[in-house]
Amino acid sequence: MKKRSKYRPKGIILDTISYVVSGFQPLAKHKDVLINLQLKNHLALEALRLGQATKEDIDTLISAFNITEALAIQKIGDDYAKEIRKAQDALYECAKRGAGTYRFVAKGVELKAINFLMELHDAQLEASTVKDVESAINLVNKTIMQKKARPIVEKI
């Protein structure tokens, strides 16, 4: 059996000029994309608030919070580092409690921290450019690939 190569070719950008120019545009200029993203995040938050959250809803919230942290590392909303950590810990505890039963219920204090972080996430998206969000996504993916992320269900 032949060993698989680790080489993966990078994607090709066909129109580099428009790609670079779109990176300088604020994300708020792309209203349809921004509204769809915010709607998805807020629906997941509402499901958590009502006690009807599924694993997909928790994954959506985790992704949003990871992007919030990555944007804060890039100096967009970095004044709220403690609040970001507090909300991530709250979501982590909520997800850990429901990991076995897939029944996710947040406590009041946890929900308050999670709500604040979702507001911060929306403000960060309004203030960031397309390039900032792409850099944040790359940072999150790199962190996960390097196994520096905290797993909810730890392997034995």
N, C-alpha and C. Protein backbone atom coordinates (compact mmCIF):
# COMPACT_ATOMS: atom_id res chain seq x y z
N MET A 1 0.84 -1.17 0.00
CA MET A 1 0.00 0.00 0.00
C MET A 1 0.89 1.24 0.00
N LYS A 2 0.56 2.18 -0.86
CA LYS A 2 1.36 3.38 -1.02
C LYS A 2 1.01 4.41 0.06
N LYS A 3 2.03 5.04 0.62
CA LYS A 3 1.82 6.05 1.66
C LYS A 3 1.26 7.32 1.03
N ARG A 4 0.27 7.90 1.68
CA ARG A 4 -0.33 9.13 1.17
C ARG A 4 0.58 10.31 1.42
N SER A 5 0.70 11.15 0.45
CA SER A 5 1.53 12.33 0.56
C SER A 5 0.79 13.42 1.36
N LYS A 6 1.52 14.20 2.12
CA LYS A 6 0.94 15.30 2.88
C LYS A 6 0.77 16.54 2.02
N TYR A 7 1.27 16.52 0.81
CA TYR A 7 1.20 17.68 -0.07
C TYR A 7 -0.24 17.92 -0.51
N ARG A 8 -0.70 19.14 -0.31
CA ARG A 8 -2.01 19.57 -0.79
C ARG A 8 -1.82 20.88 -1.54
N PRO A 9 -2.14 20.92 -2.80
CA PRO A 9 -1.96 22.17 -3.55
C PRO A 9 -2.89 23.26 -3.03
N LYS A 10 -2.39 24.50 -3.04
CA LYS A 10 -3.20 25.63 -2.60
C LYS A 10 -4.16 26.02 -3.71
N GLY A 11 -5.23 26.70 -3.32
CA GLY A 11 -6.21 27.16 -4.29
C GLY A 11 -5.63 28.25 -5.18
N ILE A 12 -6.16 28.36 -6.36
CA ILE A 12 -5.70 29.35 -7.31
C ILE A 12 -6.71 30.49 -7.36
N ILE A 13 -6.23 31.72 -7.23
CA ILE A 13 -7.08 32.89 -7.33
C ILE A 13 -6.99 33.38 -8.77
N LEU A 14 -8.12 33.32 -9.47
CA LEU A 14 -8.11 33.67 -10.89
C LEU A 14 -8.00 35.17 -11.12
N ASP A 15 -8.70 35.97 -10.33
CA ASP A 15 -8.67 37.42 -10.49
C ASP A 15 -8.07 38.03 -9.23
N THR A 16 -6.76 38.18 -9.20
CA THR A 16 -6.08 38.62 -7.98
C THR A 16 -6.38 40.08 -7.64
N ILE A 17 -6.56 40.92 -8.62
CA ILE A 17 -6.83 42.34 -8.36
C ILE A 17 -8.15 42.51 -7.61
N SER A 18 -9.21 41.87 -8.09
CA SER A 18 -10.51 42.00 -7.41
C SER A 18 -10.47 41.33 -6.04
N TYR A 19 -9.68 40.27 -5.90
CA TYR A 19 -9.54 39.61 -4.60
C TYR A 19 -8.90 40.56 -3.58
N VAL A 20 -7.84 41.26 -3.99
CA VAL A 20 -7.16 42.19 -3.10
C VAL A 20 -8.06 43.38 -2.78
N VAL A 21 -8.74 43.91 -3.78
CA VAL A 21 -9.63 45.05 -3.55
C VAL A 21 -10.78 44.67 -2.63
N SER A 22 -11.33 43.47 -2.79
CA SER A 22 -12.43 43.05 -1.91
C SER A 22 -11.96 42.84 -0.48
N GLY A 23 -10.69 42.55 -0.29
CA GLY A 23 -10.15 42.40 1.06
C GLY A 23 -10.14 43.69 1.84
N PHE A 24 -10.07 44.82 1.14
CA PHE A 24 -10.07 46.13 1.81
C PHE A 24 -11.48 46.62 2.13
N GLN A 25 -12.50 46.01 1.56
CA GLN A 25 -13.87 46.46 1.78
C GLN A 25 -14.35 46.02 3.15
N PRO A 26 -15.11 46.89 3.82
CA PRO A 26 -15.69 46.47 5.10
C PRO A 26 -16.72 45.36 4.88
N LEU A 27 -16.80 44.48 5.85
CA LEU A 27 -17.75 43.38 5.76
C LEU A 27 -19.18 43.90 5.76
N ALA A 28 -19.40 45.05 6.38
CA ALA A 28 -20.74 45.64 6.42
C ALA A 28 -21.24 46.02 5.03
N LYS A 29 -20.34 46.18 4.07
CA LYS A 29 -20.73 46.50 2.71
C LYS A 29 -21.41 45.31 2.04
N HIS A 30 -21.09 44.11 2.48
CA HIS A 30 -21.69 42.88 1.97
C HIS A 30 -22.85 42.51 2.90
N LYS A 31 -23.93 43.27 2.85
CA LYS A 31 -25.05 43.12 3.78
C LYS A 31 -25.69 41.74 3.75
N ASP A 32 -25.85 41.16 2.56
CA ASP A 32 -26.52 39.87 2.47
C ASP A 32 -25.75 38.78 3.20
N VAL A 33 -24.45 38.77 3.05
CA VAL A 33 -23.61 37.78 3.72
C VAL A 33 -23.62 38.01 5.23
N LEU A 34 -23.49 39.27 5.62
CA LEU A 34 -23.45 39.61 7.04
C LEU A 34 -24.76 39.27 7.73
N ILE A 35 -25.88 39.59 7.10
CA ILE A 35 -27.18 39.31 7.71
C ILE A 35 -27.42 37.81 7.83
N ASN A 36 -27.05 37.05 6.80
CA ASN A 36 -27.20 35.59 6.88
C ASN A 36 -26.37 35.00 8.01
N LEU A 37 -25.15 35.48 8.16
CA LEU A 37 -24.27 35.00 9.22
C LEU A 37 -24.82 35.34 10.60
N GLN A 38 -25.26 36.59 10.76
CA GLN A 38 -25.80 37.01 12.05
C GLN A 38 -27.09 36.27 12.38
N LEU A 39 -27.92 36.04 11.37
CA LEU A 39 -29.17 35.31 11.59
C LEU A 39 -28.89 33.89 12.06
N LYS A 40 -27.94 33.23 11.43
CA LYS A 40 -27.57 31.86 11.82
C LYS A 40 -27.07 31.83 13.27
N ASN A 41 -26.23 32.80 13.62
CA ASN A 41 -25.69 32.85 14.98
C ASN A 41 -26.78 33.12 16.01
N HIS A 42 -27.67 34.06 15.70
CA HIS A 42 -28.71 34.42 16.66
C HIS A 42 -29.78 33.34 16.79
N LEU A 43 -30.04 32.61 15.73
CA LEU A 43 -30.97 31.48 15.84
C LEU A 43 -30.39 30.39 16.74
N ALA A 44 -29.10 30.14 16.64
CA ALA A 44 -28.45 29.16 17.51
C ALA A 44 -28.49 29.63 18.96
N LEU A 45 -28.27 30.93 19.18
CA LEU A 45 -28.32 31.48 20.53
C LEU A 45 -29.73 31.39 21.10
N GLU A 46 -30.74 31.66 20.28
CA GLU A 46 -32.13 31.57 20.73
C GLU A 46 -32.50 30.14 21.09
N ALA A 47 -32.03 29.19 20.30
CA ALA A 47 -32.29 27.77 20.61
C ALA A 47 -31.65 27.39 21.94
N LEU A 48 -30.45 27.91 22.21
CA LEU A 48 -29.79 27.63 23.50
C LEU A 48 -30.59 28.27 24.63
N ARG A 49 -31.06 29.48 24.42
CA ARG A 49 -31.82 30.18 25.45
C ARG A 49 -33.11 29.44 25.79
N LEU A 50 -33.75 28.87 24.77
CA LEU A 50 -35.00 28.14 24.99
C LEU A 50 -34.79 26.71 25.46
N GLY A 51 -33.54 26.24 25.48
CA GLY A 51 -33.26 24.87 25.91
C GLY A 51 -33.49 23.86 24.81
N GLN A 52 -33.54 24.31 23.55
CA GLN A 52 -33.80 23.43 22.42
C GLN A 52 -32.57 23.30 21.52
N ALA A 53 -31.40 23.65 22.01
CA ALA A 53 -30.19 23.67 21.19
C ALA A 53 -29.77 22.26 20.81
N THR A 54 -29.35 22.13 19.56
CA THR A 54 -28.81 20.86 19.08
C THR A 54 -27.28 20.98 19.01
N LYS A 55 -26.64 19.90 18.63
CA LYS A 55 -25.19 19.92 18.49
C LYS A 55 -24.75 20.94 17.44
N GLU A 56 -25.52 21.07 16.36
CA GLU A 56 -25.20 22.03 15.31
C GLU A 56 -25.27 23.47 15.83
N ASP A 57 -26.24 23.73 16.71
CA ASP A 57 -26.35 25.07 17.30
C ASP A 57 -25.14 25.38 18.17
N ILE A 58 -24.72 24.41 18.96
CA ILE A 58 -23.54 24.61 19.82
C ILE A 58 -22.30 24.79 18.96
N ASP A 59 -22.18 24.01 17.88
CA ASP A 59 -21.04 24.16 16.97
C ASP A 59 -21.02 25.54 16.32
N THR A 60 -22.19 26.06 15.99
CA THR A 60 -22.30 27.40 15.41
C THR A 60 -21.82 28.45 16.40
N LEU A 61 -22.26 28.32 17.64
CA LEU A 61 -21.83 29.28 18.67
C LEU A 61 -20.34 29.18 18.94
N ILE A 62 -19.81 27.97 18.97
CA ILE A 62 -18.38 27.78 19.19
C ILE A 62 -17.58 28.44 18.06
N SER A 63 -18.04 28.24 16.83
CA SER A 63 -17.35 28.86 15.69
C SER A 63 -17.38 30.38 15.77
N ALA A 64 -18.54 30.93 16.12
CA ALA A 64 -18.66 32.38 16.24
C ALA A 64 -17.74 32.92 17.34
N PHE A 65 -17.68 32.21 18.44
CA PHE A 65 -16.85 32.68 19.55
C PHE A 65 -15.36 32.54 19.24
N ASN A 66 -15.00 31.50 18.49
CA ASN A 66 -13.60 31.36 18.07
C ASN A 66 -13.20 32.51 17.14
N ILE A 67 -14.09 32.91 16.25
CA ILE A 67 -13.81 34.04 15.36
C ILE A 67 -13.72 35.32 16.18
N THR A 68 -14.56 35.46 17.19
CA THR A 68 -14.49 36.64 18.07
C THR A 68 -13.14 36.73 18.75
N GLU A 69 -12.65 35.60 19.25
CA GLU A 69 -11.35 35.60 19.89
C GLU A 69 -10.23 35.91 18.90
N ALA A 70 -10.33 35.35 17.69
CA ALA A 70 -9.30 35.60 16.68
C ALA A 70 -9.30 37.07 16.25
N LEU A 71 -10.47 37.67 16.12
CA LEU A 71 -10.53 39.09 15.78
C LEU A 71 -9.96 39.94 16.91
N ALA A 72 -10.18 39.53 18.15
CA ALA A 72 -9.60 40.26 19.29
C ALA A 72 -8.08 40.15 19.29
N ILE A 73 -7.55 39.03 18.89
CA ILE A 73 -6.10 38.87 18.77
C ILE A 73 -5.56 39.81 17.71
N GLN A 74 -6.37 40.08 16.68
CA GLN A 74 -5.98 41.00 15.62
C GLN A 74 -6.28 42.46 15.97
N LYS A 75 -6.54 42.73 17.23
CA LYS A 75 -6.78 44.09 17.74
C LYS A 75 -8.12 44.68 17.33
N ILE A 76 -9.11 43.86 17.05
CA ILE A 76 -10.47 44.36 16.82
C ILE A 76 -11.30 43.90 18.01
N GLY A 77 -11.53 44.80 18.94
CA GLY A 77 -12.28 44.46 20.15
C GLY A 77 -11.43 43.78 21.20
N ASP A 78 -10.13 44.07 21.22
CA ASP A 78 -9.24 43.39 22.16
C ASP A 78 -9.37 43.91 23.59
N ASP A 79 -10.19 44.96 23.81
CA ASP A 79 -10.40 45.48 25.16
C ASP A 79 -11.20 44.50 26.02
N TYR A 80 -11.88 43.56 25.37
CA TYR A 80 -12.80 42.66 26.06
C TYR A 80 -12.24 41.25 26.21
N ALA A 81 -10.96 41.12 26.42
CA ALA A 81 -10.34 39.79 26.49
C ALA A 81 -10.89 38.96 27.64
N LYS A 82 -11.11 39.58 28.79
CA LYS A 82 -11.64 38.84 29.94
C LYS A 82 -13.06 38.38 29.69
N GLU A 83 -13.88 39.23 29.09
CA GLU A 83 -15.26 38.86 28.81
C GLU A 83 -15.34 37.75 27.77
N ILE A 84 -14.43 37.80 26.80
CA ILE A 84 -14.38 36.74 25.78
C ILE A 84 -14.06 35.41 26.43
N ARG A 85 -13.07 35.40 27.28
CA ARG A 85 -12.68 34.15 27.97
C ARG A 85 -13.80 33.64 28.87
N LYS A 86 -14.46 34.57 29.56
CA LYS A 86 -15.56 34.18 30.46
C LYS A 86 -16.70 33.54 29.68
N ALA A 87 -17.06 34.12 28.54
CA ALA A 87 -18.15 33.58 27.73
C ALA A 87 -17.75 32.25 27.09
N GLN A 88 -16.50 32.13 26.66
CA GLN A 88 -16.05 30.86 26.10
C GLN A 88 -16.08 29.76 27.16
N ASP A 89 -15.68 30.10 28.37
CA ASP A 89 -15.74 29.13 29.47
C ASP A 89 -17.18 28.73 29.76
N ALA A 90 -18.11 29.71 29.70
CA ALA A 90 -19.51 29.43 29.95
C ALA A 90 -20.08 28.48 28.88
N LEU A 91 -19.77 28.76 27.62
CA LEU A 91 -20.24 27.88 26.55
C LEU A 91 -19.59 26.50 26.64
N TYR A 92 -18.32 26.47 27.04
CA TYR A 92 -17.62 25.19 27.21
C TYR A 92 -18.31 24.34 28.28
N GLU A 93 -18.64 24.95 29.41
CA GLU A 93 -19.30 24.21 30.49
C GLU A 93 -20.69 23.73 30.06
N CYS A 94 -21.41 24.58 29.35
CA CYS A 94 -22.73 24.20 28.86
C CYS A 94 -22.63 23.03 27.88
N ALA A 95 -21.68 23.11 26.97
CA ALA A 95 -21.49 22.04 25.98
C ALA A 95 -21.00 20.76 26.64
N LYS A 96 -20.17 20.89 27.65
CA LYS A 96 -19.64 19.71 28.34
C LYS A 96 -20.75 18.99 29.11
N ARG A 97 -21.66 19.76 29.73
CA ARG A 97 -22.78 19.14 30.45
C ARG A 97 -23.69 18.36 29.50
N GLY A 98 -23.89 18.88 28.31
CA GLY A 98 -24.81 18.24 27.39
C GLY A 98 -24.16 17.31 26.38
N ALA A 99 -22.87 17.07 26.51
CA ALA A 99 -22.15 16.27 25.52
C ALA A 99 -22.66 14.84 25.43
N GLY A 100 -23.03 14.25 26.53
CA GLY A 100 -23.47 12.86 26.50
C GLY A 100 -24.92 12.70 26.07
N THR A 101 -25.76 13.65 26.46
CA THR A 101 -27.19 13.53 26.19
C THR A 101 -27.65 14.37 25.00
N TYR A 102 -26.79 15.26 24.51
CA TYR A 102 -27.14 16.21 23.45
C TYR A 102 -28.32 17.09 23.86
N ARG A 103 -28.39 17.39 25.15
CA ARG A 103 -29.40 18.31 25.68
C ARG A 103 -28.63 19.45 26.32
N PHE A 104 -28.62 20.58 25.67
CA PHE A 104 -27.79 21.71 26.08
C PHE A 104 -28.66 22.77 26.73
N VAL A 105 -28.40 23.00 28.02
CA VAL A 105 -29.14 24.01 28.77
C VAL A 105 -28.12 24.89 29.48
N ALA A 106 -28.26 26.20 29.28
CA ALA A 106 -27.32 27.14 29.90
C ALA A 106 -27.92 27.70 31.19
N LYS A 107 -27.06 27.94 32.15
CA LYS A 107 -27.47 28.60 33.39
C LYS A 107 -27.60 30.10 33.11
N GLY A 108 -28.21 30.82 34.03
CA GLY A 108 -28.45 32.25 33.84
C GLY A 108 -27.18 33.07 33.67
N VAL A 109 -26.19 32.82 34.51
CA VAL A 109 -24.93 33.55 34.44
C VAL A 109 -24.20 33.24 33.14
N GLU A 110 -24.24 31.97 32.74
CA GLU A 110 -23.61 31.57 31.49
C GLU A 110 -24.29 32.25 30.30
N LEU A 111 -25.61 32.29 30.33
CA LEU A 111 -26.36 32.89 29.23
C LEU A 111 -26.09 34.38 29.12
N LYS A 112 -25.92 35.03 30.25
CA LYS A 112 -25.62 36.47 30.24
C LYS A 112 -24.26 36.73 29.57
N ALA A 113 -23.26 35.93 29.90
CA ALA A 113 -21.93 36.08 29.30
C ALA A 113 -21.97 35.74 27.81
N ILE A 114 -22.72 34.72 27.44
CA ILE A 114 -22.83 34.32 26.04
C ILE A 114 -23.54 35.40 25.23
N ASN A 115 -24.59 36.00 25.79
CA ASN A 115 -25.30 37.09 25.11
C ASN A 115 -24.37 38.28 24.86
N PHE A 116 -23.57 38.62 25.87
CA PHE A 116 -22.65 39.75 25.71
C PHE A 116 -21.64 39.47 24.59
N LEU A 117 -21.14 38.25 24.56
CA LEU A 117 -20.14 37.93 23.54
C LEU A 117 -20.76 37.92 22.13
N MET A 118 -22.02 37.53 22.03
CA MET A 118 -22.66 37.58 20.72
C MET A 118 -22.83 39.03 20.25
N GLU A 119 -23.13 39.93 21.17
CA GLU A 119 -23.21 41.36 20.83
C GLU A 119 -21.83 41.87 20.38
N LEU A 120 -20.78 41.46 21.08
CA LEU A 120 -19.43 41.84 20.71
C LEU A 120 -19.07 41.28 19.34
N HIS A 121 -19.45 40.05 19.08
CA HIS A 121 -19.18 39.42 17.79
C HIS A 121 -19.84 40.21 16.65
N ASP A 122 -21.09 40.62 16.86
CA ASP A 122 -21.79 41.42 15.84
C ASP A 122 -21.08 42.75 15.61
N ALA A 123 -20.64 43.39 16.68
CA ALA A 123 -19.94 44.67 16.55
C ALA A 123 -18.60 44.49 15.84
N GLN A 124 -17.90 43.41 16.13
CA GLN A 124 -16.63 43.14 15.46
C GLN A 124 -16.83 42.92 13.97
N LEU A 125 -17.87 42.18 13.61
CA LEU A 125 -18.13 41.93 12.19
C LEU A 125 -18.46 43.23 11.46
N GLU A 126 -19.18 44.13 12.12
CA GLU A 126 -19.51 45.41 11.51
C GLU A 126 -18.25 46.26 11.30
N ALA A 127 -17.28 46.13 12.21
CA ALA A 127 -16.09 46.97 12.17
C ALA A 127 -14.94 46.38 11.35
N SER A 128 -15.03 45.13 10.96
CA SER A 128 -13.89 44.47 10.30
C SER A 128 -14.05 44.46 8.78
N THR A 129 -12.92 44.23 8.13
CA THR A 129 -12.91 44.10 6.68
C THR A 129 -12.98 42.62 6.31
N VAL A 130 -13.15 42.37 5.02
CA VAL A 130 -13.20 40.99 4.54
C VAL A 130 -11.87 40.28 4.84
N LYS A 131 -10.77 40.99 4.66
CA LYS A 131 -9.44 40.42 4.92
C LYS A 131 -9.26 40.07 6.40
N ASP A 132 -9.80 40.92 7.29
CA ASP A 132 -9.71 40.63 8.73
C ASP A 132 -10.42 39.33 9.07
N VAL A 133 -11.60 39.14 8.50
CA VAL A 133 -12.36 37.93 8.78
C VAL A 133 -11.66 36.71 8.19
N GLU A 134 -11.10 36.84 6.99
CA GLU A 134 -10.36 35.72 6.40
C GLU A 134 -9.14 35.36 7.25
N SER A 135 -8.45 36.36 7.76
CA SER A 135 -7.30 36.11 8.64
C SER A 135 -7.73 35.43 9.93
N ALA A 136 -8.88 35.85 10.46
CA ALA A 136 -9.39 35.23 11.68
C ALA A 136 -9.75 33.77 11.45
N ILE A 137 -10.37 33.48 10.33
CA ILE A 137 -10.73 32.09 9.99
C ILE A 137 -9.47 31.25 9.85
N ASN A 138 -8.45 31.80 9.19
CA ASN A 138 -7.19 31.07 9.05
C ASN A 138 -6.53 30.82 10.39
N LEU A 139 -6.59 31.80 11.30
CA LEU A 139 -6.01 31.64 12.63
C LEU A 139 -6.73 30.55 13.41
N VAL A 140 -8.06 30.52 13.32
CA VAL A 140 -8.83 29.49 14.02
C VAL A 140 -8.50 28.11 13.46
N ASN A 141 -8.47 27.99 12.13
CA ASN A 141 -8.14 26.70 11.52
C ASN A 141 -6.74 26.23 11.89
N LYS A 142 -5.79 27.16 11.93
CA LYS A 142 -4.42 26.83 12.30
C LYS A 142 -4.35 26.35 13.76
N THR A 143 -5.08 27.02 14.63
CA THR A 143 -5.11 26.63 16.04
C THR A 143 -5.70 25.24 16.22
N ILE A 144 -6.75 24.95 15.48
CA ILE A 144 -7.38 23.62 15.58
C ILE A 144 -6.46 22.55 15.02
N MET A 145 -5.80 22.83 13.90
CA MET A 145 -4.89 21.84 13.30
C MET A 145 -3.69 21.56 14.19
N GLN A 146 -3.23 22.57 14.93
CA GLN A 146 -2.10 22.38 15.83
C GLN A 146 -2.52 21.79 17.18
N LYS A 147 -3.80 21.48 17.30
CA LYS A 147 -4.37 20.86 18.51
C LYS A 147 -4.18 21.72 19.76
N LYS A 148 -4.25 23.04 19.57
CA LYS A 148 -4.16 23.95 20.70
C LYS A 148 -5.55 24.32 21.22
N ALA A 149 -6.59 23.89 20.51
CA ALA A 149 -7.96 24.15 20.93
C ALA A 149 -8.36 23.18 22.03
N ARG A 150 -9.29 23.61 22.85
CA ARG A 150 -9.74 22.81 23.99
C ARG A 150 -10.91 21.93 23.54
N PRO A 151 -10.74 20.60 23.55
CA PRO A 151 -11.83 19.72 23.12
C PRO A 151 -12.91 19.63 24.18
N ILE A 152 -14.16 19.52 23.74
CA ILE A 152 -15.27 19.42 24.69
C ILE A 152 -15.31 18.02 25.28
N VAL A 153 -15.27 17.00 24.43
CA VAL A 153 -15.25 15.63 24.90
C VAL A 153 -13.84 15.11 24.70
N GLU A 154 -13.16 14.84 25.79
CA GLU A 154 -11.77 14.41 25.71
C GLU A 154 -11.69 12.91 25.45
N LYS A 155 -10.79 12.53 24.55
CA LYS A 155 -10.61 11.12 24.24
C LYS A 155 -9.86 10.42 25.36
N ILE A 156 -10.25 9.21 25.63
CA ILE A 156 -9.62 8.44 26.71
C ILE A 156 -8.54 7.57 26.14
